[in-house]
Amino acid sequence: MMRTPGFTLVELIVVMAVMGLIATVSVVALGSLRQPTEPPWQLDLENARRVALRDGVAVSATSAARLQPPILFLPDGRALGVGVDPWTGKIVYLPNAH
């Protein structure tokens, strides 16, 4: 008896069920992803940089209590201060964090 090449209906149903299960798990996993929240002082720094760029004046970010000395954002978007990336204004490290 010669067997013709191809798939049986049972094999096809099993493969489709496995693919459906993988797709369902992937959609649930991707749906539960959330962007990590930033601390409030980081949002204050971003806002100070935005204001400096918009208004064309230097802005000091002093509202963040953990940042001493305060960070100065220049009108071209650069940041001056301890523990801050000068190009993005993101905190690299907190010098007085315990």
PDB file of N, CA and C in Angstrom:
ATOM      1  N   MET A   1       0.834  -1.159   0.000  1.00  0.00           N
ATOM      2  CA  MET A   1       0.000   0.000   0.000  1.00  0.00           C
ATOM      3  C   MET A   1       0.899   1.249   0.000  1.00  0.00           C
ATOM      4  N   MET A   2       0.691   2.148  -0.934  1.00  0.00           N
ATOM      5  CA  MET A   2       1.486   3.367  -1.036  1.00  0.00           C
ATOM      6  C   MET A   2       0.789   4.512  -0.319  1.00  0.00           C
ATOM      7  N   ARG A   3       1.589   5.280   0.364  1.00  0.00           N
ATOM      8  CA  ARG A   3       1.048   6.427   1.102  1.00  0.00           C
ATOM      9  C   ARG A   3       1.340   7.694   0.305  1.00  0.00           C
ATOM     10  N   THR A   4       0.333   8.532   0.131  1.00  0.00           N
ATOM     11  CA  THR A   4       0.523   9.762  -0.622  1.00  0.00           C
ATOM     12  C   THR A   4       1.042  10.842   0.313  1.00  0.00           C
ATOM     13  N   PRO A   5       1.888  11.741  -0.197  1.00  0.00           N
ATOM     14  CA  PRO A   5       2.420  12.801   0.656  1.00  0.00           C
ATOM     15  C   PRO A   5       1.319  13.801   1.019  1.00  0.00           C
ATOM     16  N   GLY A   6       1.427  14.345   2.230  1.00  0.00           N
ATOM     17  CA  GLY A   6       0.455  15.340   2.680  1.00  0.00           C
ATOM     18  C   GLY A   6       0.203  15.203   4.169  1.00  0.00           C
ATOM     19  N   PHE A   7      -0.798  15.917   4.636  1.00  0.00           N
ATOM     20  CA  PHE A   7      -1.143  15.938   6.057  1.00  0.00           C
ATOM     21  C   PHE A   7      -2.519  15.341   6.242  1.00  0.00           C
ATOM     22  N   THR A   8      -2.693  14.712   7.372  1.00  0.00           N
ATOM     23  CA  THR A   8      -4.027  14.225   7.706  1.00  0.00           C
ATOM     24  C   THR A   8      -4.803  15.351   8.376  1.00  0.00           C
ATOM     25  N   LEU A   9      -6.092  15.212   8.445  1.00  0.00           N
ATOM     26  CA  LEU A   9      -6.942  16.218   9.066  1.00  0.00           C
ATOM     27  C   LEU A   9      -6.628  16.342  10.551  1.00  0.00           C
ATOM     28  N   VAL A  10      -6.311  15.270  11.215  1.00  0.00           N
ATOM     29  CA  VAL A  10      -5.982  15.302  12.643  1.00  0.00           C
ATOM     30  C   VAL A  10      -4.699  16.096  12.871  1.00  0.00           C
ATOM     31  N   GLU A  11      -3.686  15.873  12.048  1.00  0.00           N
ATOM     32  CA  GLU A  11      -2.445  16.632  12.183  1.00  0.00           C
ATOM     33  C   GLU A  11      -2.687  18.123  11.983  1.00  0.00           C
ATOM     34  N   LEU A  12      -3.484  18.470  11.010  1.00  0.00           N
ATOM     35  CA  LEU A  12      -3.799  19.866  10.747  1.00  0.00           C
ATOM     36  C   LEU A  12      -4.542  20.507  11.913  1.00  0.00           C
ATOM     37  N   ILE A  13      -5.488  19.797  12.506  1.00  0.00           N
ATOM     38  CA  ILE A  13      -6.252  20.328  13.648  1.00  0.00           C
ATOM     39  C   ILE A  13      -5.335  20.513  14.857  1.00  0.00           C
ATOM     40  N   VAL A  14      -4.432  19.575  15.096  1.00  0.00           N
ATOM     41  CA  VAL A  14      -3.514  19.685  16.231  1.00  0.00           C
ATOM     42  C   VAL A  14      -2.595  20.897  16.053  1.00  0.00           C
ATOM     43  N   VAL A  15      -2.051  21.090  14.868  1.00  0.00           N
ATOM     44  CA  VAL A  15      -1.168  22.228  14.610  1.00  0.00           C
ATOM     45  C   VAL A  15      -1.935  23.535  14.779  1.00  0.00           C
ATOM     46  N   MET A  16      -3.148  23.607  14.269  1.00  0.00           N
ATOM     47  CA  MET A  16      -3.951  24.828  14.403  1.00  0.00           C
ATOM     48  C   MET A  16      -4.283  25.106  15.869  1.00  0.00           C
ATOM     49  N   ALA A  17      -4.552  24.078  16.660  1.00  0.00           N
ATOM     50  CA  ALA A  17      -4.848  24.270  18.080  1.00  0.00           C
ATOM     51  C   ALA A  17      -3.623  24.794  18.829  1.00  0.00           C
ATOM     52  N   VAL A  18      -2.456  24.255  18.533  1.00  0.00           N
ATOM     53  CA  VAL A  18      -1.222  24.718  19.178  1.00  0.00           C
ATOM     54  C   VAL A  18      -0.936  26.162  18.790  1.00  0.00           C
ATOM     55  N   MET A  19      -1.092  26.514  17.522  1.00  0.00           N
ATOM     56  CA  MET A  19      -0.870  27.891  17.080  1.00  0.00           C
ATOM     57  C   MET A  19      -1.878  28.843  17.726  1.00  0.00           C
ATOM     58  N   GLY A  20      -3.114  28.416  17.876  1.00  0.00           N
ATOM     59  CA  GLY A  20      -4.115  29.243  18.547  1.00  0.00           C
ATOM     60  C   GLY A  20      -3.772  29.471  20.002  1.00  0.00           C
ATOM     61  N   LEU A  21      -3.275  28.438  20.669  1.00  0.00           N
ATOM     62  CA  LEU A  21      -2.877  28.566  22.072  1.00  0.00           C
ATOM     63  C   LEU A  21      -1.696  29.535  22.215  1.00  0.00           C
ATOM     64  N   ILE A  22      -0.722  29.421  21.341  1.00  0.00           N
ATOM     65  CA  ILE A  22       0.428  30.334  21.380  1.00  0.00           C
ATOM     66  C   ILE A  22      -0.022  31.769  21.118  1.00  0.00           C
ATOM     67  N   ALA A  23      -0.893  31.980  20.149  1.00  0.00           N
ATOM     68  CA  ALA A  23      -1.384  33.324  19.842  1.00  0.00           C
ATOM     69  C   ALA A  23      -2.164  33.900  21.019  1.00  0.00           C
ATOM     70  N   THR A  24      -2.986  33.102  21.677  1.00  0.00           N
ATOM     71  CA  THR A  24      -3.770  33.576  22.816  1.00  0.00           C
ATOM     72  C   THR A  24      -2.861  33.991  23.964  1.00  0.00           C
ATOM     73  N   VAL A  25      -1.878  33.172  24.286  1.00  0.00           N
ATOM     74  CA  VAL A  25      -0.948  33.496  25.370  1.00  0.00           C
ATOM     75  C   VAL A  25      -0.160  34.754  25.029  1.00  0.00           C
ATOM     76  N   SER A  26       0.247  34.918  23.771  1.00  0.00           N
ATOM     77  CA  SER A  26       1.006  36.106  23.360  1.00  0.00           C
ATOM     78  C   SER A  26       0.172  37.368  23.472  1.00  0.00           C
ATOM     79  N   VAL A  27      -1.081  37.309  23.049  1.00  0.00           N
ATOM     80  CA  VAL A  27      -1.949  38.491  23.116  1.00  0.00           C
ATOM     81  C   VAL A  27      -2.200  38.885  24.568  1.00  0.00           C
ATOM     82  N   VAL A  28      -2.418  37.915  25.434  1.00  0.00           N
ATOM     83  CA  VAL A  28      -2.637  38.216  26.854  1.00  0.00           C
ATOM     84  C   VAL A  28      -1.377  38.813  27.475  1.00  0.00           C
ATOM     85  N   ALA A  29      -0.214  38.276  27.138  1.00  0.00           N
ATOM     86  CA  ALA A  29       1.042  38.796  27.685  1.00  0.00           C
ATOM     87  C   ALA A  29       1.313  40.212  27.193  1.00  0.00           C
ATOM     88  N   LEU A  30       1.088  40.476  25.929  1.00  0.00           N
ATOM     89  CA  LEU A  30       1.319  41.816  25.394  1.00  0.00           C
ATOM     90  C   LEU A  30       0.294  42.818  25.924  1.00  0.00           C
ATOM     91  N   GLY A  31      -0.917  42.364  26.172  1.00  0.00           N
ATOM     92  CA  GLY A  31      -1.948  43.252  26.700  1.00  0.00           C
ATOM     93  C   GLY A  31      -1.684  43.674  28.130  1.00  0.00           C
ATOM     94  N   SER A  32      -0.938  42.883  28.869  1.00  0.00           N
ATOM     95  CA  SER A  32      -0.687  43.211  30.273  1.00  0.00           C
ATOM     96  C   SER A  32       0.566  44.054  30.468  1.00  0.00           C
ATOM     97  N   LEU A  33       1.304  44.354  29.398  1.00  0.00           N
ATOM     98  CA  LEU A  33       2.504  45.181  29.517  1.00  0.00           C
ATOM     99  C   LEU A  33       2.112  46.627  29.791  1.00  0.00           C
ATOM    100  N   ARG A  34       2.820  47.243  30.694  1.00  0.00           N
ATOM    101  CA  ARG A  34       2.589  48.649  31.018  1.00  0.00           C
ATOM    102  C   ARG A  34       3.930  49.364  31.033  1.00  0.00           C
ATOM    103  N   GLN A  35       3.878  50.632  30.675  1.00  0.00           N
ATOM    104  CA  GLN A  35       5.089  51.434  30.726  1.00  0.00           C
ATOM    105  C   GLN A  35       5.406  51.728  32.180  1.00  0.00           C
ATOM    106  N   PRO A  36       6.662  51.541  32.588  1.00  0.00           N
ATOM    107  CA  PRO A  36       7.005  51.805  33.984  1.00  0.00           C
ATOM    108  C   PRO A  36       6.808  53.280  34.315  1.00  0.00           C
ATOM    109  N   THR A  37       6.287  53.543  35.496  1.00  0.00           N
ATOM    110  CA  THR A  37       6.064  54.923  35.904  1.00  0.00           C
ATOM    111  C   THR A  37       7.361  55.539  36.398  1.00  0.00           C
ATOM    112  N   GLU A  38       7.541  56.794  36.083  1.00  0.00           N
ATOM    113  CA  GLU A  38       8.733  57.506  36.522  1.00  0.00           C
ATOM    114  C   GLU A  38       8.418  58.224  37.823  1.00  0.00           C
ATOM    115  N   PRO A  39       9.419  58.411  38.660  1.00  0.00           N
ATOM    116  CA  PRO A  39       9.189  59.145  39.902  1.00  0.00           C
ATOM    117  C   PRO A  39       8.783  60.585  39.605  1.00  0.00           C
ATOM    118  N   PRO A  40       8.064  61.231  40.528  1.00  0.00           N
ATOM    119  CA  PRO A  40       7.583  62.598  40.274  1.00  0.00           C
ATOM    120  C   PRO A  40       8.708  63.595  40.009  1.00  0.00           C
ATOM    121  N   TRP A  41       9.847  63.438  40.658  1.00  0.00           N
ATOM    122  CA  TRP A  41      10.925  64.385  40.431  1.00  0.00           C
ATOM    123  C   TRP A  41      11.487  64.268  39.027  1.00  0.00           C
ATOM    124  N   GLN A  42      11.437  63.079  38.426  1.00  0.00           N
ATOM    125  CA  GLN A  42      11.893  62.932  37.042  1.00  0.00           C
ATOM    126  C   GLN A  42      10.955  63.682  36.104  1.00  0.00           C
ATOM    127  N   LEU A  43       9.662  63.627  36.382  1.00  0.00           N
ATOM    128  CA  LEU A  43       8.706  64.383  35.577  1.00  0.00           C
ATOM    129  C   LEU A  43       8.920  65.886  35.746  1.00  0.00           C
ATOM    130  N   ASP A  44       9.291  66.319  36.963  1.00  0.00           N
ATOM    131  CA  ASP A  44       9.602  67.734  37.192  1.00  0.00           C
ATOM    132  C   ASP A  44      10.815  68.165  36.362  1.00  0.00           C
ATOM    133  N   LEU A  45      11.813  67.301  36.274  1.00  0.00           N
ATOM    134  CA  LEU A  45      12.997  67.616  35.473  1.00  0.00           C
ATOM    135  C   LEU A  45      12.643  67.726  33.992  1.00  0.00           C
ATOM    136  N   GLU A  46      11.827  66.804  33.502  1.00  0.00           N
ATOM    137  CA  GLU A  46      11.423  66.860  32.098  1.00  0.00           C
ATOM    138  C   GLU A  46      10.621  68.124  31.814  1.00  0.00           C
ATOM    139  N   ASN A  47       9.762  68.506  32.759  1.00  0.00           N
ATOM    140  CA  ASN A  47       8.968  69.713  32.586  1.00  0.00           C
ATOM    141  C   ASN A  47       9.872  70.952  32.585  1.00  0.00           C
ATOM    142  N   ALA A  48      10.875  71.001  33.459  1.00  0.00           N
ATOM    143  CA  ALA A  48      11.791  72.138  33.505  1.00  0.00           C
ATOM    144  C   ALA A  48      12.576  72.238  32.200  1.00  0.00           C
ATOM    145  N   ARG A  49      12.997  71.120  31.652  1.00  0.00           N
ATOM    146  CA  ARG A  49      13.720  71.133  30.375  1.00  0.00           C
ATOM    147  C   ARG A  49      12.811  71.612  29.256  1.00  0.00           C
ATOM    148  N   ARG A  50      11.562  71.157  29.266  1.00  0.00           N
ATOM    149  CA  ARG A  50      10.598  71.557  28.246  1.00  0.00           C
ATOM    150  C   ARG A  50      10.358  73.072  28.290  1.00  0.00           C
ATOM    151  N   VAL A  51      10.232  73.617  29.511  1.00  0.00           N
ATOM    152  CA  VAL A  51      10.019  75.057  29.661  1.00  0.00           C
ATOM    153  C   VAL A  51      11.235  75.831  29.187  1.00  0.00           C
ATOM    154  N   ALA A  52      12.429  75.354  29.498  1.00  0.00           N
ATOM    155  CA  ALA A  52      13.649  76.035  29.060  1.00  0.00           C
ATOM    156  C   ALA A  52      13.737  76.068  27.539  1.00  0.00           C
ATOM    157  N   LEU A  53      13.389  74.969  26.895  1.00  0.00           N
ATOM    158  CA  LEU A  53      13.427  74.928  25.440  1.00  0.00           C
ATOM    159  C   LEU A  53      12.347  75.819  24.829  1.00  0.00           C
ATOM    160  N   ARG A  54      11.164  75.792  25.414  1.00  0.00           N
ATOM    161  CA  ARG A  54      10.046  76.557  24.872  1.00  0.00           C
ATOM    162  C   ARG A  54      10.246  78.056  25.031  1.00  0.00           C
ATOM    163  N   ASP A  55      10.648  78.493  26.233  1.00  0.00           N
ATOM    164  CA  ASP A  55      10.742  79.921  26.529  1.00  0.00           C
ATOM    165  C   ASP A  55      12.099  80.526  26.189  1.00  0.00           C
ATOM    166  N   GLY A  56      13.116  79.711  25.986  1.00  0.00           N
ATOM    167  CA  GLY A  56      14.432  80.224  25.648  1.00  0.00           C
ATOM    168  C   GLY A  56      15.159  80.863  26.815  1.00  0.00           C
ATOM    169  N   VAL A  57      14.852  80.419  28.031  1.00  0.00           N
ATOM    170  CA  VAL A  57      15.528  80.934  29.229  1.00  0.00           C
ATOM    171  C   VAL A  57      16.034  79.760  30.049  1.00  0.00           C
ATOM    172  N   ALA A  58      17.028  80.030  30.883  1.00  0.00           N
ATOM    173  CA  ALA A  58      17.534  78.988  31.773  1.00  0.00           C
ATOM    174  C   ALA A  58      16.528  78.750  32.891  1.00  0.00           C
ATOM    175  N   VAL A  59      16.256  77.482  33.198  1.00  0.00           N
ATOM    176  CA  VAL A  59      15.294  77.108  34.230  1.00  0.00           C
ATOM    177  C   VAL A  59      15.989  76.218  35.244  1.00  0.00           C
ATOM    178  N   SER A  60      15.801  76.538  36.516  1.00  0.00           N
ATOM    179  CA  SER A  60      16.373  75.736  37.591  1.00  0.00           C
ATOM    180  C   SER A  60      15.311  74.785  38.123  1.00  0.00           C
ATOM    181  N   ALA A  61      15.646  73.499  38.197  1.00  0.00           N
ATOM    182  CA  ALA A  61      14.720  72.489  38.700  1.00  0.00           C
ATOM    183  C   ALA A  61      14.977  72.310  40.185  1.00  0.00           C
ATOM    184  N   THR A  62      14.251  73.054  41.019  1.00  0.00           N
ATOM    185  CA  THR A  62      14.460  72.997  42.469  1.00  0.00           C
ATOM    186  C   THR A  62      13.320  72.300  43.180  1.00  0.00           C
ATOM    187  N   SER A  63      12.254  71.909  42.462  1.00  0.00           N
ATOM    188  CA  SER A  63      11.101  71.321  43.142  1.00  0.00           C
ATOM    189  C   SER A  63      11.373  69.909  43.641  1.00  0.00           C
ATOM    190  N   ALA A  64      12.388  69.257  43.090  1.00  0.00           N
ATOM    191  CA  ALA A  64      12.707  67.908  43.535  1.00  0.00           C
ATOM    192  C   ALA A  64      13.547  67.997  44.811  1.00  0.00           C
ATOM    193  N   ALA A  65      12.988  67.588  45.915  1.00  0.00           N
ATOM    194  CA  ALA A  65      13.643  67.745  47.215  1.00  0.00           C
ATOM    195  C   ALA A  65      14.913  66.916  47.332  1.00  0.00           C
ATOM    196  N   ARG A  66      15.019  65.841  46.575  1.00  0.00           N
ATOM    197  CA  ARG A  66      16.178  64.959  46.702  1.00  0.00           C
ATOM    198  C   ARG A  66      17.377  65.463  45.913  1.00  0.00           C
ATOM    199  N   LEU A  67      17.207  66.509  45.124  1.00  0.00           N
ATOM    200  CA  LEU A  67      18.288  66.976  44.268  1.00  0.00           C
ATOM    201  C   LEU A  67      18.918  68.225  44.843  1.00  0.00           C
ATOM    202  N   GLN A  68      20.079  68.086  45.406  1.00  0.00           N
ATOM    203  CA  GLN A  68      20.834  69.217  45.938  1.00  0.00           C
ATOM    204  C   GLN A  68      22.247  69.096  45.439  1.00  0.00           C
ATOM    205  N   PRO A  69      22.821  70.022  44.776  1.00  0.00           N
ATOM    206  CA  PRO A  69      22.275  71.303  44.349  1.00  0.00           C
ATOM    207  C   PRO A  69      21.292  71.116  43.195  1.00  0.00           C
ATOM    208  N   PRO A  70      20.474  72.120  42.919  1.00  0.00           N
ATOM    209  CA  PRO A  70      19.472  71.994  41.854  1.00  0.00           C
ATOM    210  C   PRO A  70      20.113  71.880  40.476  1.00  0.00           C
ATOM    211  N   ILE A  71      19.339  71.402  39.538  1.00  0.00           N
ATOM    212  CA  ILE A  71      19.808  71.219  38.169  1.00  0.00           C
ATOM    213  C   ILE A  71      19.331  72.395  37.332  1.00  0.00           C
ATOM    214  N   LEU A  72      20.221  72.927  36.509  1.00  0.00           N
ATOM    215  CA  LEU A  72      19.911  74.069  35.659  1.00  0.00           C
ATOM    216  C   LEU A  72      19.784  73.591  34.220  1.00  0.00           C
ATOM    217  N   PHE A  73      18.639  73.888  33.615  1.00  0.00           N
ATOM    218  CA  PHE A  73      18.414  73.552  32.209  1.00  0.00           C
ATOM    219  C   PHE A  73      18.616  74.803  31.374  1.00  0.00           C
ATOM    220  N   LEU A  74      19.476  74.695  30.373  1.00  0.00           N
ATOM    221  CA  LEU A  74      19.811  75.822  29.507  1.00  0.00           C
ATOM    222  C   LEU A  74      18.819  75.896  28.342  1.00  0.00           C
ATOM    223  N   PRO A  75      18.734  77.053  27.681  1.00  0.00           N
ATOM    224  CA  PRO A  75      17.771  77.203  26.577  1.00  0.00           C
ATOM    225  C   PRO A  75      18.000  76.266  25.400  1.00  0.00           C
ATOM    226  N   ASP A  76      19.203  75.711  25.264  1.00  0.00           N
ATOM    227  CA  ASP A  76      19.452  74.772  24.171  1.00  0.00           C
ATOM    228  C   ASP A  76      19.154  73.324  24.559  1.00  0.00           C
ATOM    229  N   GLY A  77      18.633  73.109  25.780  1.00  0.00           N
ATOM    230  CA  GLY A  77      18.224  71.769  26.205  1.00  0.00           C
ATOM    231  C   GLY A  77      19.237  71.031  27.051  1.00  0.00           C
ATOM    232  N   ARG A  78      20.447  71.575  27.182  1.00  0.00           N
ATOM    233  CA  ARG A  78      21.452  70.907  28.009  1.00  0.00           C
ATOM    234  C   ARG A  78      21.126  71.095  29.485  1.00  0.00           C
ATOM    235  N   ALA A  79      21.659  70.206  30.309  1.00  0.00           N
ATOM    236  CA  ALA A  79      21.429  70.261  31.752  1.00  0.00           C
ATOM    237  C   ALA A  79      22.766  70.378  32.469  1.00  0.00           C
ATOM    238  N   LEU A  80      22.812  71.222  33.496  1.00  0.00           N
ATOM    239  CA  LEU A  80      24.010  71.389  34.312  1.00  0.00           C
ATOM    240  C   LEU A  80      23.668  71.000  35.736  1.00  0.00           C
ATOM    241  N   GLY A  81      24.435  70.074  36.287  1.00  0.00           N
ATOM    242  CA  GLY A  81      24.201  69.656  37.656  1.00  0.00           C
ATOM    243  C   GLY A  81      24.901  68.347  37.948  1.00  0.00           C
ATOM    244  N   VAL A  82      24.888  67.986  39.212  1.00  0.00           N
ATOM    245  CA  VAL A  82      25.542  66.764  39.659  1.00  0.00           C
ATOM    246  C   VAL A  82      24.604  65.582  39.423  1.00  0.00           C
ATOM    247  N   GLY A  83      25.117  64.544  38.784  1.00  0.00           N
ATOM    248  CA  GLY A  83      24.362  63.313  38.618  1.00  0.00           C
ATOM    249  C   GLY A  83      23.356  63.324  37.492  1.00  0.00           C
ATOM    250  N   VAL A  84      23.475  64.259  36.563  1.00  0.00           N
ATOM    251  CA  VAL A  84      22.512  64.356  35.473  1.00  0.00           C
ATOM    252  C   VAL A  84      23.236  64.240  34.134  1.00  0.00           C
ATOM    253  N   ASP A  85      22.576  63.572  33.182  1.00  0.00           N
ATOM    254  CA  ASP A  85      23.120  63.481  31.836  1.00  0.00           C
ATOM    255  C   ASP A  85      22.980  64.855  31.179  1.00  0.00           C
ATOM    256  N   PRO A  86      24.070  65.464  30.721  1.00  0.00           N
ATOM    257  CA  PRO A  86      23.991  66.835  30.215  1.00  0.00           C
ATOM    258  C   PRO A  86      23.157  66.987  28.944  1.00  0.00           C
ATOM    259  N   TRP A  87      22.955  65.924  28.186  1.00  0.00           N
ATOM    260  CA  TRP A  87      22.230  66.055  26.919  1.00  0.00           C
ATOM    261  C   TRP A  87      20.746  65.767  27.049  1.00  0.00           C
ATOM    262  N   THR A  88      20.354  64.870  27.946  1.00  0.00           N
ATOM    263  CA  THR A  88      18.935  64.512  28.052  1.00  0.00           C
ATOM    264  C   THR A  88      18.279  65.034  29.315  1.00  0.00           C
ATOM    265  N   GLY A  89      19.058  65.356  30.344  1.00  0.00           N
ATOM    266  CA  GLY A  89      18.482  65.793  31.610  1.00  0.00           C
ATOM    267  C   GLY A  89      18.032  64.655  32.489  1.00  0.00           C
ATOM    268  N   LYS A  90      18.274  63.418  32.082  1.00  0.00           N
ATOM    269  CA  LYS A  90      17.899  62.262  32.896  1.00  0.00           C
ATOM    270  C   LYS A  90      18.898  62.095  34.035  1.00  0.00           C
ATOM    271  N   ILE A  91      18.389  61.627  35.172  1.00  0.00           N
ATOM    272  CA  ILE A  91      19.244  61.399  36.328  1.00  0.00           C
ATOM    273  C   ILE A  91      20.095  60.164  36.085  1.00  0.00           C
ATOM    274  N   VAL A  92      21.401  60.317  36.210  1.00  0.00           N
ATOM    275  CA  VAL A  92      22.320  59.192  36.079  1.00  0.00           C
ATOM    276  C   VAL A  92      22.511  58.538  37.437  1.00  0.00           C
ATOM    277  N   TYR A  93      22.681  59.356  38.456  1.00  0.00           N
ATOM    278  CA  TYR A  93      22.770  58.869  39.826  1.00  0.00           C
ATOM    279  C   TYR A  93      22.366  60.001  40.751  1.00  0.00           C
ATOM    280  N   LEU A  94      21.913  59.656  41.934  1.00  0.00           N
ATOM    281  CA  LEU A  94      21.569  60.640  42.959  1.00  0.00           C
ATOM    282  C   LEU A  94      22.711  60.723  43.941  1.00  0.00           C
ATOM    283  N   PRO A  95      23.420  61.854  44.002  1.00  0.00           N
ATOM    284  CA  PRO A  95      24.609  61.931  44.846  1.00  0.00           C
ATOM    285  C   PRO A  95      24.307  61.823  46.322  1.00  0.00           C
ATOM    286  N   ASN A  96      23.124  62.222  46.799  1.00  0.00           N
ATOM    287  CA  ASN A  96      22.829  62.184  48.234  1.00  0.00           C
ATOM    288  C   ASN A  96      21.765  61.147  48.573  1.00  0.00           C
ATOM    289  N   ALA A  97      21.554  60.156  47.699  1.00  0.00           N
ATOM    290  CA  ALA A  97      20.560  59.118  47.992  1.00  0.00           C
ATOM    291  C   ALA A  97      21.158  58.094  48.936  1.00  0.00           C
ATOM    292  N   HIS A  98      20.396  57.726  49.955  1.00  0.00           N
ATOM    293  CA  HIS A  98      20.873  56.737  50.937  1.00  0.00           C
ATOM    294  C   HIS A  98      20.031  55.502  50.869  1.00  0.00           C
TER     295      HIS A  98
END
